[in-house]
Each structure stands twice: as structure tokens, then as C-alpha cells.
Amino acid sequence: MKKVFLLLAVCTTMMAHASTYNFLVFTNTEGTNTIFNVKNLTLNVEGSDLLITNAEGTVSMLLTAMKSMQFSEDGTVSAVENILNADTPVQVFSVSGTSLGVYGSLMEAAQTLNAGAYVISNGSVTQTIVVK
């Protein structure tokens, strides 16, 4: 139940920052991306499944098989890889939207933060991360 609440909180936070994005990209634990148009997009949790519905239909995804999700302007996730690998400053937010500070890089932030989920931004890309 804790994971479901966390997922919904992250979705809500990400949607608040997603007004210019046209797609939501889910990556599973095998590295496969599934891309959804965000127009009329709804997310619902039923048991251990996430039901994703838009104008194209409904898809069910097992929550435990999800690795990440991020909004995208063009359906690609390459910009996310740039923020993960770059030594550029990132601003870190809690999943409730509270700013936790600016760090010199994502690696610096990950080494400093406690275990949990965070929303990070480098000014042009916003990404949700989990620190273990």
C-alpha cells in the first residue's frame, strides 16, 4: 500500500510539472519503454496493477515490474539519460513538492539524500528518482 501511495504522490507531482509534455514513458525492469499520449490520460491502481487509460485504450502494467516513468516532449527518454550522467546542478524536491536544495550533480544529491523518492530538475528536464 505504501508503494501505491508513493506512486500516486509522484504522479501528482510530476503532472504538476508536465504541462508542456505530450507523452508519459514507462520503463519496465527489463528496460523496455511503453509510451502513452497524455491527452485524456488517467492512471488507476487496482491491486498490484497500474491501469493506464487514454484515447487509444487501456493498458495494465504490473507495479513491481515498473522501473521508472517520466514525461517527454517527443516520446523519447534521451534527455533523462543526460541528467543522470551529467555533472550539472540539480534542484531536488520531495514528492510533495517541497524544495530540498540545489546540488552540484545528481550523484552528489544521491550521496547526500536519505533513502526515498525525490523529484529532480536541471532546469529543462524533470525526473523522479529513488535513492536506496
Protein backbone atom coordinates (compact mmCIF):
# COMPACT_ATOMS: atom_id res chain seq x y z
CA MET A 1 0.00 0.00 0.00
CA LYS A 2 2.92 2.30 0.78
CA LYS A 3 4.26 1.83 -2.77
CA VAL A 4 0.84 2.63 -4.26
CA PHE A 5 0.58 5.85 -2.24
CA LEU A 6 4.13 6.83 -3.19
CA LEU A 7 3.42 6.13 -6.88
CA LEU A 8 0.27 8.27 -6.80
CA ALA A 9 2.09 11.10 -5.00
CA VAL A 10 4.88 11.03 -7.57
CA CYS A 11 2.35 11.00 -10.43
CA THR A 12 0.56 14.01 -8.97
CA THR A 13 3.81 15.92 -8.52
CA MET A 14 5.03 15.05 -12.00
CA MET A 15 1.74 16.07 -13.60
CA ALA A 16 2.03 19.48 -11.96
CA HIS A 17 5.33 19.94 -13.85
CA ALA A 18 4.19 18.27 -17.07
CA SER A 19 2.10 20.90 -18.84
CA THR A 20 4.46 21.10 -21.84
CA TYR A 21 4.95 17.35 -22.25
CA ASN A 22 2.99 15.27 -24.75
CA PHE A 23 3.96 11.76 -23.63
CA LEU A 24 4.40 9.68 -20.49
CA VAL A 25 7.08 7.00 -20.85
CA PHE A 26 7.15 3.94 -18.57
CA THR A 27 10.28 1.79 -18.41
CA ASN A 28 10.00 -1.74 -17.04
CA THR A 29 12.70 -3.66 -15.17
CA GLU A 30 13.84 -5.24 -18.45
CA GLY A 31 14.48 -1.78 -19.96
CA THR A 32 11.52 -1.78 -22.37
CA ASN A 33 9.77 1.58 -22.81
CA THR A 34 6.00 1.93 -23.19
CA ILE A 35 4.87 5.36 -24.41
CA PHE A 36 1.45 6.95 -23.82
CA ASN A 37 -0.01 10.15 -25.21
CA VAL A 38 -1.01 12.29 -22.20
CA LYS A 39 -4.19 13.68 -23.76
CA ASN A 40 -7.08 12.41 -21.59
CA LEU A 41 -4.63 10.21 -19.65
CA THR A 42 -5.81 8.58 -16.41
CA LEU A 43 -3.87 6.37 -14.02
CA ASN A 44 -5.63 3.99 -11.64
CA VAL A 45 -4.28 1.36 -9.27
CA GLU A 46 -6.14 -1.94 -8.95
CA GLY A 47 -4.40 -4.38 -6.65
CA SER A 48 -0.86 -4.81 -7.92
CA ASP A 49 -1.60 -3.34 -11.37
CA LEU A 50 -1.44 0.20 -12.74
CA LEU A 51 -4.21 0.80 -15.29
CA ILE A 52 -3.20 3.44 -17.84
CA THR A 53 -6.03 4.80 -19.99
CA ASN A 54 -6.03 7.34 -22.82
CA ALA A 55 -7.87 7.78 -26.13
CA GLU A 56 -6.05 4.74 -27.53
CA GLY A 57 -7.37 2.33 -24.86
CA THR A 58 -6.34 0.85 -21.53
CA VAL A 59 -3.13 -0.98 -20.67
CA SER A 60 -2.42 -2.83 -17.43
CA MET A 61 1.12 -2.80 -16.03
CA LEU A 62 2.35 -4.76 -13.02
CA LEU A 63 3.60 -2.25 -10.44
CA THR A 64 6.50 -4.44 -9.35
CA ALA A 65 7.74 -4.61 -12.98
CA MET A 66 7.97 -0.80 -13.31
CA LYS A 67 11.44 0.70 -13.12
CA SER A 68 10.66 4.34 -13.93
CA MET A 69 8.30 6.76 -15.58
CA GLN A 70 8.91 10.22 -16.96
CA PHE A 71 7.21 12.83 -19.08
CA SER A 72 8.63 13.50 -22.53
CA GLU A 73 8.06 16.14 -25.20
CA ASP A 74 8.60 13.74 -28.11
CA GLY A 75 8.23 10.22 -26.65
CA THR A 76 11.96 9.67 -26.10
CA VAL A 77 13.83 9.43 -22.81
CA SER A 78 17.26 10.55 -24.03
CA ALA A 79 17.05 13.86 -22.13
CA VAL A 80 16.61 11.88 -18.92
CA GLU A 81 19.83 9.99 -19.58
CA ASN A 82 21.62 13.33 -19.95
CA ILE A 83 20.54 14.48 -16.47
CA LEU A 84 21.55 11.14 -14.95
CA ASN A 85 25.04 11.25 -16.45
CA ALA A 86 25.77 14.98 -16.34
CA ASP A 87 27.75 16.90 -13.76
CA THR A 88 25.26 19.76 -13.91
CA PRO A 89 23.48 21.27 -10.90
CA VAL A 90 20.12 19.73 -10.00
CA GLN A 91 17.34 21.02 -7.77
CA VAL A 92 15.80 18.35 -5.55
CA PHE A 93 12.18 18.28 -4.36
CA SER A 94 10.28 15.94 -2.09
CA VAL A 95 7.37 14.10 -3.75
CA SER A 96 5.07 16.61 -2.05
CA GLY A 97 6.85 19.45 -3.89
CA THR A 98 8.99 20.91 -1.10
CA SER A 99 12.37 22.14 -2.33
CA LEU A 100 15.23 20.30 -0.59
CA GLY A 101 18.06 22.26 -2.15
CA VAL A 102 20.41 22.51 -5.11
CA TYR A 103 23.28 20.04 -5.58
CA GLY A 104 26.28 20.18 -7.91
CA SER A 105 25.22 16.95 -9.66
CA LEU A 106 22.75 14.10 -9.40
CA MET A 107 25.47 11.88 -7.94
CA GLU A 108 26.18 14.44 -5.20
CA ALA A 109 22.47 14.64 -4.39
CA ALA A 110 22.09 10.85 -4.29
CA GLN A 111 25.03 10.53 -1.87
CA THR A 112 23.54 13.17 0.44
CA LEU A 113 19.83 12.27 0.45
CA ASN A 114 18.18 9.71 2.70
CA ALA A 115 16.52 6.65 1.17
CA GLY A 116 13.28 7.59 -0.58
CA ALA A 117 11.72 9.03 -3.73
CA TYR A 118 12.57 12.52 -4.99
CA VAL A 119 11.80 14.76 -7.95
CA ILE A 120 14.88 16.34 -9.52
CA SER A 121 15.22 19.08 -12.12
CA ASN A 122 18.15 20.55 -14.01
CA GLY A 123 16.01 23.40 -15.37
CA SER A 124 14.96 21.71 -18.59
CA VAL A 125 14.36 18.09 -17.52
CA THR A 126 12.38 16.86 -14.52
CA GLN A 127 12.89 13.28 -13.35
CA THR A 128 11.76 11.15 -10.44
CA ILE A 129 14.49 9.14 -8.71
CA VAL A 130 14.58 6.63 -5.89
CA VAL A 131 17.53 6.65 -3.52
CA LYS A 132 18.14 3.28 -1.85
